[in-house]
Amino acid sequence: MKKAILISIFILTFSNISYSSGILVNPSFIRVQNVVPGETIQLIGIDKCFLKVINRDNKTAKYKISLLTCKEYGKQLSQSYEELPDTAWLAIKTAEVTVEAGKTAEVNGFSIKIPKKIKFYNKKWQSIVKVEKVPNPGEAINLEVIIPLWIETQTRQFNIFEKIFRFII
């Protein structure tokens, strides 16, 4: 009987902690279409920024931004997408951002560069953008948000020469 009471108190306390703090990220997904292999694409959203990190906590927090494959994170791929072959094709200038309580930080400097190879045309890949709170000393709960990143390369028809000698081009 005492165990049930202790567990109920813990759940109630835990839910109050998670309700009073949090992180929001905008946008909730990223889809980049018509990426031309060999060209560098700078991503800028509608609001002239790539990503917004909103600190809903009552104190300043630091957030780490990571670019991962779905396999690295342990997430299933969306239907009709393949795993991004190499996250080195993705770059972000700002890997950490500090956000004051109740404020929003804008993150820019995100780019994609797919190597220029015929085999990378007509592809649909998925990756993950992870935003996680860097825990302060003594904190037991770590918050994170994952954003699916869908990359679709340019559709292109190849002539017979290109198909036969694709290792050259």
C-alpha atoms as a PDB file:
ATOM      1  CA  MET A   1       0.000   0.000   0.000  1.00  0.00           C
ATOM      2  CA  LYS A   2       2.807   2.425   0.801  1.00  0.00           C
ATOM      3  CA  LYS A   3       4.435   1.795  -2.596  1.00  0.00           C
ATOM      4  CA  ALA A   4       1.329   2.910  -4.478  1.00  0.00           C
ATOM      5  CA  ILE A   5       1.185   6.167  -2.530  1.00  0.00           C
ATOM      6  CA  LEU A   6       4.862   6.927  -3.132  1.00  0.00           C
ATOM      7  CA  ILE A   7       4.543   6.282  -6.871  1.00  0.00           C
ATOM      8  CA  SER A   8       1.482   8.535  -7.127  1.00  0.00           C
ATOM      9  CA  ILE A   9       3.294  11.368  -5.354  1.00  0.00           C
ATOM     10  CA  PHE A  10       6.310  10.967  -7.653  1.00  0.00           C
ATOM     11  CA  ILE A  11       4.137  11.097 -10.784  1.00  0.00           C
ATOM     12  CA  LEU A  12       2.329  14.191  -9.549  1.00  0.00           C
ATOM     13  CA  THR A  13       5.624  15.942  -8.737  1.00  0.00           C
ATOM     14  CA  PHE A  14       7.164  14.893 -12.049  1.00  0.00           C
ATOM     15  CA  SER A  15       4.192  16.163 -14.071  1.00  0.00           C
ATOM     16  CA  ASN A  16       4.394  19.572 -12.377  1.00  0.00           C
ATOM     17  CA  ILE A  17       8.089  19.861 -13.303  1.00  0.00           C
ATOM     18  CA  SER A  18       7.521  19.039 -16.973  1.00  0.00           C
ATOM     19  CA  TYR A  19       4.490  21.337 -17.186  1.00  0.00           C
ATOM     20  CA  SER A  20       6.398  24.364 -15.880  1.00  0.00           C
ATOM     21  CA  SER A  21       9.294  24.021 -18.302  1.00  0.00           C
ATOM     22  CA  GLY A  22       9.825  23.154 -21.902  1.00  0.00           C
ATOM     23  CA  ILE A  23      11.159  23.839 -25.321  1.00  0.00           C
ATOM     24  CA  LEU A  24       9.419  24.626 -28.570  1.00  0.00           C
ATOM     25  CA  VAL A  25      11.036  24.491 -31.988  1.00  0.00           C
ATOM     26  CA  ASN A  26       9.738  25.988 -35.189  1.00  0.00           C
ATOM     27  CA  PRO A  27       9.346  24.574 -37.850  1.00  0.00           C
ATOM     28  CA  SER A  28       8.133  21.107 -36.879  1.00  0.00           C
ATOM     29  CA  PHE A  29       9.584  19.519 -40.038  1.00  0.00           C
ATOM     30  CA  ILE A  30      11.889  20.578 -42.875  1.00  0.00           C
ATOM     31  CA  ARG A  31      11.458  19.532 -46.504  1.00  0.00           C
ATOM     32  CA  VAL A  32      14.027  20.647 -49.055  1.00  0.00           C
ATOM     33  CA  GLN A  33      13.158  19.866 -52.659  1.00  0.00           C
ATOM     34  CA  ASN A  34      15.012  20.054 -55.957  1.00  0.00           C
ATOM     35  CA  VAL A  35      18.517  19.961 -54.430  1.00  0.00           C
ATOM     36  CA  VAL A  36      21.077  19.873 -57.235  1.00  0.00           C
ATOM     37  CA  PRO A  37      24.029  17.586 -56.451  1.00  0.00           C
ATOM     38  CA  GLY A  38      27.264  19.578 -56.441  1.00  0.00           C
ATOM     39  CA  GLU A  39      25.636  22.873 -55.388  1.00  0.00           C
ATOM     40  CA  THR A  40      25.584  24.269 -51.851  1.00  0.00           C
ATOM     41  CA  ILE A  41      22.102  25.148 -50.611  1.00  0.00           C
ATOM     42  CA  GLN A  42      21.700  27.649 -47.754  1.00  0.00           C
ATOM     43  CA  LEU A  43      18.440  27.041 -45.894  1.00  0.00           C
ATOM     44  CA  ILE A  44      16.463  30.054 -44.816  1.00  0.00           C
ATOM     45  CA  GLY A  45      12.862  29.681 -43.661  1.00  0.00           C
ATOM     46  CA  ILE A  46       9.888  31.938 -44.240  1.00  0.00           C
ATOM     47  CA  ASP A  47      10.895  34.184 -41.308  1.00  0.00           C
ATOM     48  CA  LYS A  48      14.428  34.646 -42.722  1.00  0.00           C
ATOM     49  CA  CYS A  49      15.798  32.089 -40.270  1.00  0.00           C
ATOM     50  CA  PHE A  50      16.355  28.347 -40.465  1.00  0.00           C
ATOM     51  CA  LEU A  51      15.151  27.382 -36.995  1.00  0.00           C
ATOM     52  CA  LYS A  52      13.578  29.064 -33.966  1.00  0.00           C
ATOM     53  CA  VAL A  53      14.263  27.708 -30.484  1.00  0.00           C
ATOM     54  CA  ILE A  54      11.759  28.899 -27.867  1.00  0.00           C
ATOM     55  CA  ASN A  55      12.683  28.560 -24.187  1.00  0.00           C
ATOM     56  CA  ARG A  56       9.473  28.032 -22.184  1.00  0.00           C
ATOM     57  CA  ASP A  57      11.409  27.576 -18.948  1.00  0.00           C
ATOM     58  CA  ASN A  58      11.659  30.174 -16.182  1.00  0.00           C
ATOM     59  CA  LYS A  59      15.463  30.417 -16.471  1.00  0.00           C
ATOM     60  CA  THR A  60      18.075  30.833 -19.205  1.00  0.00           C
ATOM     61  CA  ALA A  61      18.992  27.598 -20.955  1.00  0.00           C
ATOM     62  CA  LYS A  62      21.580  26.375 -23.427  1.00  0.00           C
ATOM     63  CA  TYR A  63      20.524  24.157 -26.336  1.00  0.00           C
ATOM     64  CA  LYS A  64      22.652  21.905 -28.533  1.00  0.00           C
ATOM     65  CA  ILE A  65      21.718  21.356 -32.193  1.00  0.00           C
ATOM     66  CA  SER A  66      22.774  18.070 -33.813  1.00  0.00           C
ATOM     67  CA  LEU A  67      22.372  16.612 -37.302  1.00  0.00           C
ATOM     68  CA  LEU A  68      21.855  12.842 -37.220  1.00  0.00           C
ATOM     69  CA  THR A  69      20.782   9.963 -39.401  1.00  0.00           C
ATOM     70  CA  CYS A  70      17.551   8.211 -38.456  1.00  0.00           C
ATOM     71  CA  LYS A  71      19.551   5.087 -37.652  1.00  0.00           C
ATOM     72  CA  GLU A  72      21.835   7.021 -35.260  1.00  0.00           C
ATOM     73  CA  TYR A  73      18.775   8.359 -33.448  1.00  0.00           C
ATOM     74  CA  GLY A  74      16.792   5.127 -33.615  1.00  0.00           C
ATOM     75  CA  LYS A  75      13.872   6.560 -35.564  1.00  0.00           C
ATOM     76  CA  GLN A  76      11.941   4.858 -38.361  1.00  0.00           C
ATOM     77  CA  LEU A  77      12.158   6.355 -41.835  1.00  0.00           C
ATOM     78  CA  SER A  78       9.099   7.968 -43.378  1.00  0.00           C
ATOM     79  CA  GLN A  79       7.502   6.064 -46.218  1.00  0.00           C
ATOM     80  CA  SER A  80       9.294   6.455 -49.594  1.00  0.00           C
ATOM     81  CA  TYR A  81      12.441   7.969 -48.020  1.00  0.00           C
ATOM     82  CA  GLU A  82      15.876   6.399 -47.624  1.00  0.00           C
ATOM     83  CA  GLU A  83      18.508   7.017 -44.972  1.00  0.00           C
ATOM     84  CA  LEU A  84      20.745  10.000 -45.758  1.00  0.00           C
ATOM     85  CA  PRO A  85      24.072   8.352 -46.739  1.00  0.00           C
ATOM     86  CA  ASP A  86      26.307  10.910 -45.005  1.00  0.00           C
ATOM     87  CA  THR A  87      25.482  13.626 -42.461  1.00  0.00           C
ATOM     88  CA  ALA A  88      28.759  15.340 -43.440  1.00  0.00           C
ATOM     89  CA  TRP A  89      26.714  16.709 -46.363  1.00  0.00           C
ATOM     90  CA  LEU A  90      24.842  18.818 -43.787  1.00  0.00           C
ATOM     91  CA  ALA A  91      26.422  21.734 -41.962  1.00  0.00           C
ATOM     92  CA  ILE A  92      25.315  24.169 -39.292  1.00  0.00           C
ATOM     93  CA  LYS A  93      27.411  27.109 -38.103  1.00  0.00           C
ATOM     94  CA  THR A  94      25.759  27.386 -34.697  1.00  0.00           C
ATOM     95  CA  ALA A  95      25.779  24.074 -32.831  1.00  0.00           C
ATOM     96  CA  GLU A  96      24.798  25.673 -29.491  1.00  0.00           C
ATOM     97  CA  VAL A  97      22.501  28.530 -28.644  1.00  0.00           C
ATOM     98  CA  THR A  98      21.698  30.179 -25.294  1.00  0.00           C
ATOM     99  CA  VAL A  99      18.120  31.390 -24.867  1.00  0.00           C
ATOM    100  CA  GLU A 100      16.854  33.566 -22.029  1.00  0.00           C
ATOM    101  CA  ALA A 101      13.743  32.498 -20.115  1.00  0.00           C
ATOM    102  CA  GLY A 102      10.603  32.981 -22.176  1.00  0.00           C
ATOM    103  CA  LYS A 103      12.577  34.186 -25.213  1.00  0.00           C
ATOM    104  CA  THR A 104      13.220  32.908 -28.730  1.00  0.00           C
ATOM    105  CA  ALA A 105      16.546  32.428 -30.502  1.00  0.00           C
ATOM    106  CA  GLU A 106      16.864  32.321 -34.266  1.00  0.00           C
ATOM    107  CA  VAL A 107      19.387  29.861 -35.685  1.00  0.00           C
ATOM    108  CA  ASN A 108      20.852  30.371 -39.152  1.00  0.00           C
ATOM    109  CA  GLY A 109      23.810  29.065 -41.098  1.00  0.00           C
ATOM    110  CA  PHE A 110      22.426  25.684 -42.164  1.00  0.00           C
ATOM    111  CA  SER A 111      23.556  24.290 -45.511  1.00  0.00           C
ATOM    112  CA  ILE A 112      23.352  21.148 -47.629  1.00  0.00           C
ATOM    113  CA  LYS A 113      25.885  20.017 -50.220  1.00  0.00           C
ATOM    114  CA  ILE A 114      25.307  16.685 -51.921  1.00  0.00           C
ATOM    115  CA  PRO A 115      28.345  15.476 -53.928  1.00  0.00           C
ATOM    116  CA  LYS A 116      28.000  15.860 -57.696  1.00  0.00           C
ATOM    117  CA  LYS A 117      27.406  12.286 -58.829  1.00  0.00           C
ATOM    118  CA  ILE A 118      24.755  10.885 -61.136  1.00  0.00           C
ATOM    119  CA  LYS A 119      23.688   8.338 -58.532  1.00  0.00           C
ATOM    120  CA  PHE A 120      22.576  11.176 -56.207  1.00  0.00           C
ATOM    121  CA  TYR A 121      19.931  12.561 -58.584  1.00  0.00           C
ATOM    122  CA  ASN A 122      16.295  11.409 -58.204  1.00  0.00           C
ATOM    123  CA  LYS A 123      16.752  10.612 -54.487  1.00  0.00           C
ATOM    124  CA  LYS A 124      14.587  11.134 -51.412  1.00  0.00           C
ATOM    125  CA  TRP A 125      16.504  11.030 -48.127  1.00  0.00           C
ATOM    126  CA  GLN A 126      15.610  11.574 -44.503  1.00  0.00           C
ATOM    127  CA  SER A 127      17.704  12.817 -41.620  1.00  0.00           C
ATOM    128  CA  ILE A 128      17.074  14.279 -38.149  1.00  0.00           C
ATOM    129  CA  VAL A 129      17.707  17.711 -36.633  1.00  0.00           C
ATOM    130  CA  LYS A 130      17.879  17.280 -32.856  1.00  0.00           C
ATOM    131  CA  VAL A 131      17.585  20.203 -30.448  1.00  0.00           C
ATOM    132  CA  GLU A 132      18.348  19.246 -26.869  1.00  0.00           C
ATOM    133  CA  LYS A 133      18.637  21.229 -23.683  1.00  0.00           C
ATOM    134  CA  VAL A 134      22.086  21.047 -22.130  1.00  0.00           C
ATOM    135  CA  PRO A 135      21.310  20.012 -18.527  1.00  0.00           C
ATOM    136  CA  ASN A 136      22.430  22.254 -15.690  1.00  0.00           C
ATOM    137  CA  PRO A 137      24.270  20.634 -12.770  1.00  0.00           C
ATOM    138  CA  GLY A 138      21.801  18.679 -10.634  1.00  0.00           C
ATOM    139  CA  GLU A 139      19.096  18.381 -13.301  1.00  0.00           C
ATOM    140  CA  ALA A 140      17.848  14.847 -13.849  1.00  0.00           C
ATOM    141  CA  ILE A 141      15.557  15.458 -16.835  1.00  0.00           C
ATOM    142  CA  ASN A 142      16.880  16.291 -20.289  1.00  0.00           C
ATOM    143  CA  LEU A 143      14.473  17.737 -22.859  1.00  0.00           C
ATOM    144  CA  GLU A 144      14.907  17.299 -26.591  1.00  0.00           C
ATOM    145  CA  VAL A 145      12.946  17.851 -29.777  1.00  0.00           C
ATOM    146  CA  ILE A 146      13.571  16.063 -33.050  1.00  0.00           C
ATOM    147  CA  ILE A 147      12.656  17.490 -36.423  1.00  0.00           C
ATOM    148  CA  PRO A 148      12.500  15.312 -39.520  1.00  0.00           C
ATOM    149  CA  LEU A 149      14.595  16.660 -42.391  1.00  0.00           C
ATOM    150  CA  TRP A 150      13.523  15.447 -45.828  1.00  0.00           C
ATOM    151  CA  ILE A 151      15.868  16.097 -48.739  1.00  0.00           C
ATOM    152  CA  GLU A 152      14.762  15.490 -52.321  1.00  0.00           C
ATOM    153  CA  THR A 153      17.345  15.850 -55.080  1.00  0.00           C
ATOM    154  CA  GLN A 154      16.672  17.150 -58.551  1.00  0.00           C
ATOM    155  CA  THR A 155      14.814  14.826 -60.902  1.00  0.00           C
ATOM    156  CA  ARG A 156      16.801  14.197 -64.036  1.00  0.00           C
ATOM    157  CA  GLN A 157      16.632  11.906 -67.063  1.00  0.00           C
ATOM    158  CA  PHE A 158      19.975  10.500 -68.224  1.00  0.00           C
ATOM    159  CA  ASN A 159      21.094   9.756 -71.764  1.00  0.00           C
ATOM    160  CA  ILE A 160      22.585   6.383 -72.679  1.00  0.00           C
ATOM    161  CA  PHE A 161      26.188   7.676 -72.415  1.00  0.00           C
ATOM    162  CA  GLU A 162      25.582   8.923 -68.865  1.00  0.00           C
ATOM    163  CA  LYS A 163      23.962   5.638 -67.835  1.00  0.00           C
ATOM    164  CA  ILE A 164      26.822   3.522 -69.208  1.00  0.00           C
ATOM    165  CA  PHE A 165      29.659   5.737 -67.911  1.00  0.00           C
ATOM    166  CA  ARG A 166      28.094   6.918 -64.631  1.00  0.00           C
ATOM    167  CA  PHE A 167      31.378   6.277 -62.754  1.00  0.00           C
ATOM    168  CA  ILE A 168      33.085   8.996 -64.864  1.00  0.00           C
ATOM    169  CA  ILE A 169      30.444  11.687 -64.511  1.00  0.00           C
END
